[in-house]
Full PDB file with SEQRES, HELIX, SHEET, SSBOND, CRYST1, ORIGX, SCALE, CONECT and MASTER records, all heavy atoms in Angstrom:
SEQRES   1 A   36  ALA GLU ALA ASP LEU ALA ARG ALA LEU GLY TRP HIS GLY          
SEQRES   2 A   36  SER PRO PRO ALA ALA ALA GLY PRO LEU ASP VAL ASP LEU          
SEQRES   3 A   36  ASP ARG ALA THR ALA ASP SER VAL GLU SER                      
HELIX    1 AA1 GLU A    2  LEU A    9  1                                   8    
HELIX    2 AA2 ALA A   31  SER A   33  5                                   3    
CRYST1    1.000    1.000    1.000  90.00  90.00  90.00 P 1           1          
ORIGX1      1.000000  0.000000  0.000000        0.00000                         
ORIGX2      0.000000  1.000000  0.000000        0.00000                         
ORIGX3      0.000000  0.000000  1.000000        0.00000                         
SCALE1      1.000000  0.000000  0.000000        0.00000                         
SCALE2      0.000000  1.000000  0.000000        0.00000                         
SCALE3      0.000000  0.000000  1.000000        0.00000                         
ATOM      1  N   ALA A   1       0.827  -1.229  -0.007  1.00  0.00           N  
ATOM      2  CA  ALA A   1      -0.034   0.030   0.000  1.00  0.00           C  
ATOM      3  C   ALA A   1       0.862   1.259   0.021  1.00  0.00           C  
ATOM      4  O   ALA A   1       0.507   2.251  -0.674  1.00  0.00           O  
ATOM      5  CB  ALA A   1      -0.945  -0.009   1.230  1.00  0.00           C  
ATOM      6  N   GLU A   2       1.954   1.253   0.739  1.00  0.00           N  
ATOM      7  CA  GLU A   2       2.864   2.381   0.753  1.00  0.00           C  
ATOM      8  C   GLU A   2       3.549   2.571  -0.634  1.00  0.00           C  
ATOM      9  O   GLU A   2       3.805   3.749  -1.038  1.00  0.00           O  
ATOM     10  CB  GLU A   2       3.872   2.295   1.853  1.00  0.00           C  
ATOM     11  CG  GLU A   2       3.244   2.416   3.274  1.00  0.00           C  
ATOM     12  CD  GLU A   2       4.209   2.191   4.390  1.00  0.00           C  
ATOM     13  OE1 GLU A   2       5.352   1.682   4.085  1.00  0.00           O  
ATOM     14  OE2 GLU A   2       3.834   2.412   5.566  1.00  0.00           O  
ATOM     15  N   ALA A   3       3.853   1.497  -1.278  1.00  0.00           N  
ATOM     16  CA  ALA A   3       4.454   1.590  -2.626  1.00  0.00           C  
ATOM     17  C   ALA A   3       3.443   2.168  -3.599  1.00  0.00           C  
ATOM     18  O   ALA A   3       3.812   3.001  -4.465  1.00  0.00           O  
ATOM     19  CB  ALA A   3       4.897   0.190  -3.099  1.00  0.00           C  
ATOM     20  N   ASP A   4       2.163   1.796  -3.486  1.00  0.00           N  
ATOM     21  CA  ASP A   4       1.132   2.387  -4.317  1.00  0.00           C  
ATOM     22  C   ASP A   4       0.971   3.859  -4.057  1.00  0.00           C  
ATOM     23  O   ASP A   4       0.796   4.668  -4.927  1.00  0.00           O  
ATOM     24  CB  ASP A   4      -0.194   1.654  -4.123  1.00  0.00           C  
ATOM     25  CG  ASP A   4      -0.200   0.223  -4.595  1.00  0.00           C  
ATOM     26  OD1 ASP A   4       0.677  -0.108  -5.453  1.00  0.00           O  
ATOM     27  OD2 ASP A   4      -0.991  -0.584  -4.167  1.00  0.00           O  
ATOM     28  N   LEU A   5       1.100   4.259  -2.778  1.00  0.00           N  
ATOM     29  CA  LEU A   5       1.029   5.643  -2.400  1.00  0.00           C  
ATOM     30  C   LEU A   5       2.214   6.407  -3.029  1.00  0.00           C  
ATOM     31  O   LEU A   5       2.031   7.510  -3.534  1.00  0.00           O  
ATOM     32  CB  LEU A   5       1.019   5.834  -0.881  1.00  0.00           C  
ATOM     33  CG  LEU A   5       1.052   7.243  -0.332  1.00  0.00           C  
ATOM     34  CD1 LEU A   5      -0.166   8.032  -0.818  1.00  0.00           C  
ATOM     35  CD2 LEU A   5       1.121   7.250   1.207  1.00  0.00           C  
ATOM     36  N   ALA A   6       3.429   5.817  -2.957  1.00  0.00           N  
ATOM     37  CA  ALA A   6       4.561   6.533  -3.572  1.00  0.00           C  
ATOM     38  C   ALA A   6       4.404   6.658  -5.056  1.00  0.00           C  
ATOM     39  O   ALA A   6       4.765   7.705  -5.595  1.00  0.00           O  
ATOM     40  CB  ALA A   6       5.817   5.634  -3.248  1.00  0.00           C  
ATOM     41  N   ARG A   7       3.826   5.685  -5.729  1.00  0.00           N  
ATOM     42  CA  ARG A   7       3.551   5.804  -7.185  1.00  0.00           C  
ATOM     43  C   ARG A   7       2.533   6.922  -7.439  1.00  0.00           C  
ATOM     44  O   ARG A   7       2.734   7.684  -8.388  1.00  0.00           O  
ATOM     45  CB  ARG A   7       3.065   4.469  -7.719  1.00  0.00           C  
ATOM     46  CG  ARG A   7       2.754   4.503  -9.184  1.00  0.00           C  
ATOM     47  CD  ARG A   7       2.022   3.249  -9.643  1.00  0.00           C  
ATOM     48  NE  ARG A   7       0.735   3.106  -8.892  1.00  0.00           N  
ATOM     49  CZ  ARG A   7      -0.332   3.753  -9.135  1.00  0.00           C  
ATOM     50  NH1 ARG A   7      -0.390   4.666 -10.156  1.00  0.00           N  
ATOM     51  NH2 ARG A   7      -1.427   3.579  -8.413  1.00  0.00           N  
ATOM     52  N   ALA A   8       1.474   6.990  -6.628  1.00  0.00           N  
ATOM     53  CA  ALA A   8       0.471   8.039  -6.834  1.00  0.00           C  
ATOM     54  C   ALA A   8       1.051   9.413  -6.593  1.00  0.00           C  
ATOM     55  O   ALA A   8       0.603  10.389  -7.234  1.00  0.00           O  
ATOM     56  CB  ALA A   8      -0.693   7.782  -5.917  1.00  0.00           C  
ATOM     57  N   LEU A   9       2.104   9.549  -5.719  1.00  0.00           N  
ATOM     58  CA  LEU A   9       2.632  10.835  -5.416  1.00  0.00           C  
ATOM     59  C   LEU A   9       3.815  11.219  -6.404  1.00  0.00           C  
ATOM     60  O   LEU A   9       4.231  12.349  -6.353  1.00  0.00           O  
ATOM     61  CB  LEU A   9       3.175  10.881  -3.952  1.00  0.00           C  
ATOM     62  CG  LEU A   9       2.182  10.586  -2.853  1.00  0.00           C  
ATOM     63  CD1 LEU A   9       2.890  10.623  -1.536  1.00  0.00           C  
ATOM     64  CD2 LEU A   9       1.028  11.539  -2.942  1.00  0.00           C  
ATOM     65  N   GLY A  10       4.288  10.222  -7.166  1.00  0.00           N  
ATOM     66  CA  GLY A  10       5.517  10.452  -7.898  1.00  0.00           C  
ATOM     67  C   GLY A  10       6.702  10.587  -6.987  1.00  0.00           C  
ATOM     68  O   GLY A  10       7.639  11.397  -7.228  1.00  0.00           O  
ATOM     69  N   TRP A  11       6.736   9.776  -5.899  1.00  0.00           N  
ATOM     70  CA  TRP A  11       7.735   9.873  -4.836  1.00  0.00           C  
ATOM     71  C   TRP A  11       9.016   9.183  -5.295  1.00  0.00           C  
ATOM     72  O   TRP A  11       9.002   8.137  -5.957  1.00  0.00           O  
ATOM     73  CB  TRP A  11       7.195   9.209  -3.615  1.00  0.00           C  
ATOM     74  CG  TRP A  11       8.009   9.412  -2.369  1.00  0.00           C  
ATOM     75  CD1 TRP A  11       9.072   8.645  -2.027  1.00  0.00           C  
ATOM     76  CD2 TRP A  11       7.872  10.438  -1.399  1.00  0.00           C  
ATOM     77  NE1 TRP A  11       9.596   9.146  -0.828  1.00  0.00           N  
ATOM     78  CE2 TRP A  11       8.889  10.225  -0.425  1.00  0.00           C  
ATOM     79  CE3 TRP A  11       7.021  11.506  -1.260  1.00  0.00           C  
ATOM     80  CZ2 TRP A  11       8.993  11.039   0.683  1.00  0.00           C  
ATOM     81  CZ3 TRP A  11       7.171  12.346  -0.119  1.00  0.00           C  
ATOM     82  CH2 TRP A  11       8.150  12.095   0.761  1.00  0.00           C  
ATOM     83  N   HIS A  12      10.178   9.817  -4.969  1.00  0.00           N  
ATOM     84  CA  HIS A  12      11.453   9.221  -5.277  1.00  0.00           C  
ATOM     85  C   HIS A  12      12.109   8.785  -3.961  1.00  0.00           C  
ATOM     86  O   HIS A  12      12.096   9.478  -2.981  1.00  0.00           O  
ATOM     87  CB  HIS A  12      12.387  10.267  -5.965  1.00  0.00           C  
ATOM     88  CG  HIS A  12      11.856  10.750  -7.284  1.00  0.00           C  
ATOM     89  ND1 HIS A  12      11.802  10.017  -8.412  1.00  0.00           N  
ATOM     90  CD2 HIS A  12      11.266  11.963  -7.590  1.00  0.00           C  
ATOM     91  CE1 HIS A  12      11.275  10.723  -9.402  1.00  0.00           C  
ATOM     92  NE2 HIS A  12      10.930  11.900  -8.900  1.00  0.00           N  
ATOM     93  N   GLY A  13      12.612   7.532  -3.978  1.00  0.00           N  
ATOM     94  CA  GLY A  13      13.198   6.983  -2.771  1.00  0.00           C  
ATOM     95  C   GLY A  13      12.299   6.025  -2.070  1.00  0.00           C  
ATOM     96  O   GLY A  13      11.331   5.452  -2.676  1.00  0.00           O  
ATOM     97  N   SER A  14      12.580   5.791  -0.830  1.00  0.00           N  
ATOM     98  CA  SER A  14      11.841   4.842   0.024  1.00  0.00           C  
ATOM     99  C   SER A  14      10.370   5.366   0.119  1.00  0.00           C  
ATOM    100  O   SER A  14      10.144   6.559   0.323  1.00  0.00           O  
ATOM    101  CB  SER A  14      12.421   4.639   1.354  1.00  0.00           C  
ATOM    102  OG  SER A  14      13.726   4.143   1.277  1.00  0.00           O  
ATOM    103  N   PRO A  15       9.381   4.429  -0.013  1.00  0.00           N  
ATOM    104  CA  PRO A  15       7.997   4.909   0.137  1.00  0.00           C  
ATOM    105  C   PRO A  15       7.720   5.567   1.492  1.00  0.00           C  
ATOM    106  O   PRO A  15       8.229   5.075   2.499  1.00  0.00           O  
ATOM    107  CB  PRO A  15       7.185   3.632  -0.047  1.00  0.00           C  
ATOM    108  CG  PRO A  15       8.103   2.691  -0.792  1.00  0.00           C  
ATOM    109  CD  PRO A  15       9.509   3.009  -0.283  1.00  0.00           C  
ATOM    110  N   PRO A  16       6.948   6.669   1.533  1.00  0.00           N  
ATOM    111  CA  PRO A  16       6.635   7.316   2.801  1.00  0.00           C  
ATOM    112  C   PRO A  16       5.521   6.542   3.495  1.00  0.00           C  
ATOM    113  O   PRO A  16       4.763   5.809   2.931  1.00  0.00           O  
ATOM    114  CB  PRO A  16       6.158   8.684   2.366  1.00  0.00           C  
ATOM    115  CG  PRO A  16       5.569   8.463   1.024  1.00  0.00           C  
ATOM    116  CD  PRO A  16       6.343   7.308   0.401  1.00  0.00           C  
ATOM    117  N   ALA A  17       5.436   6.829   4.814  1.00  0.00           N  
ATOM    118  CA  ALA A  17       4.384   6.266   5.633  1.00  0.00           C  
ATOM    119  C   ALA A  17       3.254   7.286   5.820  1.00  0.00           C  
ATOM    120  O   ALA A  17       3.546   8.460   6.121  1.00  0.00           O  
ATOM    121  CB  ALA A  17       4.935   5.832   6.987  1.00  0.00           C  
ATOM    122  N   ALA A  18       2.054   6.936   5.593  1.00  0.00           N  
ATOM    123  CA  ALA A  18       0.892   7.800   5.734  1.00  0.00           C  
ATOM    124  C   ALA A  18       0.693   8.078   7.163  1.00  0.00           C  
ATOM    125  O   ALA A  18       0.649   7.155   8.027  1.00  0.00           O  
ATOM    126  CB  ALA A  18      -0.360   7.203   5.089  1.00  0.00           C  
ATOM    127  N   ALA A  19       0.617   9.393   7.559  1.00  0.00           N  
ATOM    128  CA  ALA A  19       0.464   9.754   8.955  1.00  0.00           C  
ATOM    129  C   ALA A  19      -0.636  10.840   9.027  1.00  0.00           C  
ATOM    130  O   ALA A  19      -0.994  11.445   8.053  1.00  0.00           O  
ATOM    131  CB  ALA A  19       1.784  10.249   9.512  1.00  0.00           C  
ATOM    132  N   GLY A  20      -1.089  11.055  10.293  1.00  0.00           N  
ATOM    133  CA  GLY A  20      -2.065  12.084  10.534  1.00  0.00           C  
ATOM    134  C   GLY A  20      -3.491  11.535  10.690  1.00  0.00           C  
ATOM    135  O   GLY A  20      -3.704  10.344  10.492  1.00  0.00           O  
ATOM    136  N   PRO A  21      -4.430  12.367  10.984  1.00  0.00           N  
ATOM    137  CA  PRO A  21      -5.821  11.946  11.208  1.00  0.00           C  
ATOM    138  C   PRO A  21      -6.457  11.523   9.931  1.00  0.00           C  
ATOM    139  O   PRO A  21      -6.021  11.902   8.815  1.00  0.00           O  
ATOM    140  CB  PRO A  21      -6.475  13.151  11.849  1.00  0.00           C  
ATOM    141  CG  PRO A  21      -5.668  14.300  11.332  1.00  0.00           C  
ATOM    142  CD  PRO A  21      -4.272  13.831  11.259  1.00  0.00           C  
ATOM    143  N   LEU A  22      -7.468  10.684   9.992  1.00  0.00           N  
ATOM    144  CA  LEU A  22      -8.256  10.226   8.851  1.00  0.00           C  
ATOM    145  C   LEU A  22      -9.482  10.992   8.555  1.00  0.00           C  
ATOM    146  O   LEU A  22     -10.199  10.662   7.595  1.00  0.00           O  
ATOM    147  CB  LEU A  22      -8.586   8.718   9.047  1.00  0.00           C  
ATOM    148  CG  LEU A  22      -7.422   7.747   9.208  1.00  0.00           C  
ATOM    149  CD1 LEU A  22      -7.937   6.362   9.436  1.00  0.00           C  
ATOM    150  CD2 LEU A  22      -6.548   7.791   7.956  1.00  0.00           C  
ATOM    151  N   ASP A  23      -9.810  12.031   9.339  1.00  0.00           N  
ATOM    152  CA  ASP A  23     -10.987  12.811   9.163  1.00  0.00           C  
ATOM    153  C   ASP A  23     -10.762  14.212   8.543  1.00  0.00           C  
ATOM    154  O   ASP A  23     -11.481  15.127   8.757  1.00  0.00           O  
ATOM    155  CB  ASP A  23     -11.787  12.975  10.442  1.00  0.00           C  
ATOM    156  CG  ASP A  23     -10.942  13.639  11.548  1.00  0.00           C  
ATOM    157  OD1 ASP A  23      -9.696  13.774  11.314  1.00  0.00           O  
ATOM    158  OD2 ASP A  23     -11.458  13.975  12.584  1.00  0.00           O  
ATOM    159  N   VAL A  24      -9.669  14.282   7.766  1.00  0.00           N  
ATOM    160  CA  VAL A  24      -9.324  15.555   7.159  1.00  0.00           C  
ATOM    161  C   VAL A  24     -10.290  15.870   6.020  1.00  0.00           C  
ATOM    162  O   VAL A  24     -10.593  15.014   5.198  1.00  0.00           O  
ATOM    163  CB  VAL A  24      -7.884  15.552   6.615  1.00  0.00           C  
ATOM    164  CG1 VAL A  24      -7.525  16.874   5.954  1.00  0.00           C  
ATOM    165  CG2 VAL A  24      -6.937  15.266   7.801  1.00  0.00           C  
ATOM    166  N   ASP A  25     -10.821  17.113   5.979  1.00  0.00           N  
ATOM    167  CA  ASP A  25     -11.711  17.627   4.944  1.00  0.00           C  
ATOM    168  C   ASP A  25     -13.059  16.849   4.899  1.00  0.00           C  
ATOM    169  O   ASP A  25     -13.758  16.946   3.882  1.00  0.00           O  
ATOM    170  CB  ASP A  25     -11.041  17.514   3.560  1.00  0.00           C  
ATOM    171  CG  ASP A  25      -9.857  18.435   3.460  1.00  0.00           C  
ATOM    172  OD1 ASP A  25      -9.791  19.406   4.245  1.00  0.00           O  
ATOM    173  OD2 ASP A  25      -8.961  18.208   2.584  1.00  0.00           O  
ATOM    174  N   LEU A  26     -13.415  16.191   5.949  1.00  0.00           N  
ATOM    175  CA  LEU A  26     -14.701  15.452   5.927  1.00  0.00           C  
ATOM    176  C   LEU A  26     -15.847  16.426   6.162  1.00  0.00           C  
ATOM    177  O   LEU A  26     -17.061  16.048   6.017  1.00  0.00           O  
ATOM    178  CB  LEU A  26     -14.721  14.345   7.022  1.00  0.00           C  
ATOM    179  CG  LEU A  26     -13.798  13.210   6.749  1.00  0.00           C  
ATOM    180  CD1 LEU A  26     -13.945  12.133   7.800  1.00  0.00           C  
ATOM    181  CD2 LEU A  26     -14.000  12.567   5.347  1.00  0.00           C  
ATOM    182  N   ASP A  27     -15.585  17.657   6.501  1.00  0.00           N  
ATOM    183  CA  ASP A  27     -16.656  18.602   6.744  1.00  0.00           C  
ATOM    184  C   ASP A  27     -16.936  19.505   5.510  1.00  0.00           C  
ATOM    185  O   ASP A  27     -17.664  20.466   5.609  1.00  0.00           O  
ATOM    186  CB  ASP A  27     -16.339  19.554   7.947  1.00  0.00           C  
ATOM    187  CG  ASP A  27     -14.989  20.287   7.718  1.00  0.00           C  
ATOM    188  OD1 ASP A  27     -14.230  19.849   6.791  1.00  0.00           O  
ATOM    189  OD2 ASP A  27     -14.675  21.249   8.423  1.00  0.00           O  
ATOM    190  N   ARG A  28     -16.333  19.106   4.385  1.00  0.00           N  
ATOM    191  CA  ARG A  28     -16.607  19.834   3.169  1.00  0.00           C  
ATOM    192  C   ARG A  28     -17.963  19.513   2.575  1.00  0.00           C  
ATOM    193  O   ARG A  28     -18.689  18.665   3.070  1.00  0.00           O  
ATOM    194  CB  ARG A  28     -15.525  19.489   2.129  1.00  0.00           C  
ATOM    195  CG  ARG A  28     -14.154  19.878   2.531  1.00  0.00           C  
ATOM    196  CD  ARG A  28     -13.146  19.888   1.399  1.00  0.00           C  
ATOM    197  NE  ARG A  28     -13.219  18.664   0.621  1.00  0.00           N  
ATOM    198  CZ  ARG A  28     -12.596  18.466  -0.535  1.00  0.00           C  
ATOM    199  NH1 ARG A  28     -11.856  19.426  -1.030  1.00  0.00           N  
ATOM    200  NH2 ARG A  28     -12.639  17.345  -1.164  1.00  0.00           N  
ATOM    201  N   ALA A  29     -18.344  20.230   1.502  1.00  0.00           N  
ATOM    202  CA  ALA A  29     -19.617  20.075   0.926  1.00  0.00           C  
ATOM    203  C   ALA A  29     -19.803  18.649   0.430  1.00  0.00           C  
ATOM    204  O   ALA A  29     -18.926  18.024  -0.146  1.00  0.00           O  
ATOM    205  CB  ALA A  29     -19.891  21.051  -0.225  1.00  0.00           C  
ATOM    206  N   THR A  30     -21.028  18.072   0.614  1.00  0.00           N  
ATOM    207  CA  THR A  30     -21.295  16.740   0.136  1.00  0.00           C  
ATOM    208  C   THR A  30     -21.734  16.803  -1.294  1.00  0.00           C  
ATOM    209  O   THR A  30     -22.025  17.808  -1.891  1.00  0.00           O  
ATOM    210  CB  THR A  30     -22.359  16.095   1.049  1.00  0.00           C  
ATOM    211  OG1 THR A  30     -23.600  16.898   0.946  1.00  0.00           O  
ATOM    212  CG2 THR A  30     -21.965  16.044   2.445  1.00  0.00           C  
ATOM    213  N   ALA A  31     -21.909  15.595  -1.886  1.00  0.00           N  
ATOM    214  CA  ALA A  31     -22.294  15.516  -3.303  1.00  0.00           C  
ATOM    215  C   ALA A  31     -23.713  16.027  -3.570  1.00  0.00           C  
ATOM    216  O   ALA A  31     -23.993  16.548  -4.613  1.00  0.00           O  
ATOM    217  CB  ALA A  31     -22.227  14.062  -3.741  1.00  0.00           C  
ATOM    218  N   ASP A  32     -24.549  15.954  -2.491  1.00  0.00           N  
ATOM    219  CA  ASP A  32     -25.945  16.411  -2.669  1.00  0.00           C  
ATOM    220  C   ASP A  32     -26.008  17.928  -2.757  1.00  0.00           C  
ATOM    221  O   ASP A  32     -26.997  18.451  -3.323  1.00  0.00           O  
ATOM    222  CB  ASP A  32     -26.824  15.940  -1.506  1.00  0.00           C  
ATOM    223  CG  ASP A  32     -26.920  14.393  -1.431  1.00  0.00           C  
ATOM    224  OD1 ASP A  32     -26.751  13.796  -2.530  1.00  0.00           O  
ATOM    225  OD2 ASP A  32     -27.173  13.846  -0.352  1.00  0.00           O  
ATOM    226  N   SER A  33     -25.029  18.621  -2.232  1.00  0.00           N  
ATOM    227  CA  SER A  33     -25.104  20.134  -2.224  1.00  0.00           C  
ATOM    228  C   SER A  33     -24.312  20.743  -3.377  1.00  0.00           C  
ATOM    229  O   SER A  33     -24.209  21.940  -3.421  1.00  0.00           O  
ATOM    230  CB  SER A  33     -24.512  20.662  -0.890  1.00  0.00           C  
ATOM    231  OG  SER A  33     -23.163  20.236  -0.750  1.00  0.00           O  
ATOM    232  N   VAL A  34     -23.775  19.919  -4.283  1.00  0.00           N  
ATOM    233  CA  VAL A  34     -23.002  20.423  -5.395  1.00  0.00           C  
ATOM    234  C   VAL A  34     -23.935  20.546  -6.611  1.00  0.00           C  
ATOM    235  O   VAL A  34     -24.706  19.667  -6.961  1.00  0.00           O  
ATOM    236  CB  VAL A  34     -21.866  19.466  -5.760  1.00  0.00           C  
ATOM    237  CG1 VAL A  34     -21.105  19.878  -6.954  1.00  0.00           C  
ATOM    238  CG2 VAL A  34     -20.894  19.321  -4.561  1.00  0.00           C  
ATOM    239  N   GLU A  35     -23.867  21.718  -7.283  1.00  0.00           N  
ATOM    240  CA  GLU A  35     -24.631  21.989  -8.448  1.00  0.00           C  
ATOM    241  C   GLU A  35     -24.149  21.173  -9.580  1.00  0.00           C  
ATOM    242  O   GLU A  35     -22.899  21.001  -9.836  1.00  0.00           O  
ATOM    243  CB  GLU A  35     -24.630  23.469  -8.863  1.00  0.00           C  
ATOM    244  CG  GLU A  35     -25.219  24.361  -7.816  1.00  0.00           C  
ATOM    245  CD  GLU A  35     -26.711  24.205  -7.762  1.00  0.00           C  
ATOM    246  OE1 GLU A  35     -27.321  23.707  -8.732  1.00  0.00           O  
ATOM    247  OE2 GLU A  35     -27.288  24.532  -6.727  1.00  0.00           O  
ATOM    248  N   SER A  36     -25.045  20.508 -10.378  1.00  0.00           N  
ATOM    249  CA  SER A  36     -24.586  19.613 -11.420  1.00  0.00           C  
ATOM    250  C   SER A  36     -23.827  20.388 -12.540  1.00  0.00           C  
ATOM    251  O   SER A  36     -22.938  19.794 -13.158  1.00  0.00           O  
ATOM    252  CB  SER A  36     -25.813  18.901 -12.014  1.00  0.00           C  
ATOM    253  OG  SER A  36     -26.743  19.851 -12.564  1.00  0.00           O  
TER     254      SER A  36                                                      
MASTER        0    0    0    2    0    0    0    6  253    1    0    3          
END                                                                             
């Protein structure tokens, strides 16, 4: 999974470890409130 993350980031070197909270940006607008 970390190798896949490094590929998605275009990371060079050893794959990074994902850190931090998992609820970042969860208070943004939902799909129902977005104009088509």
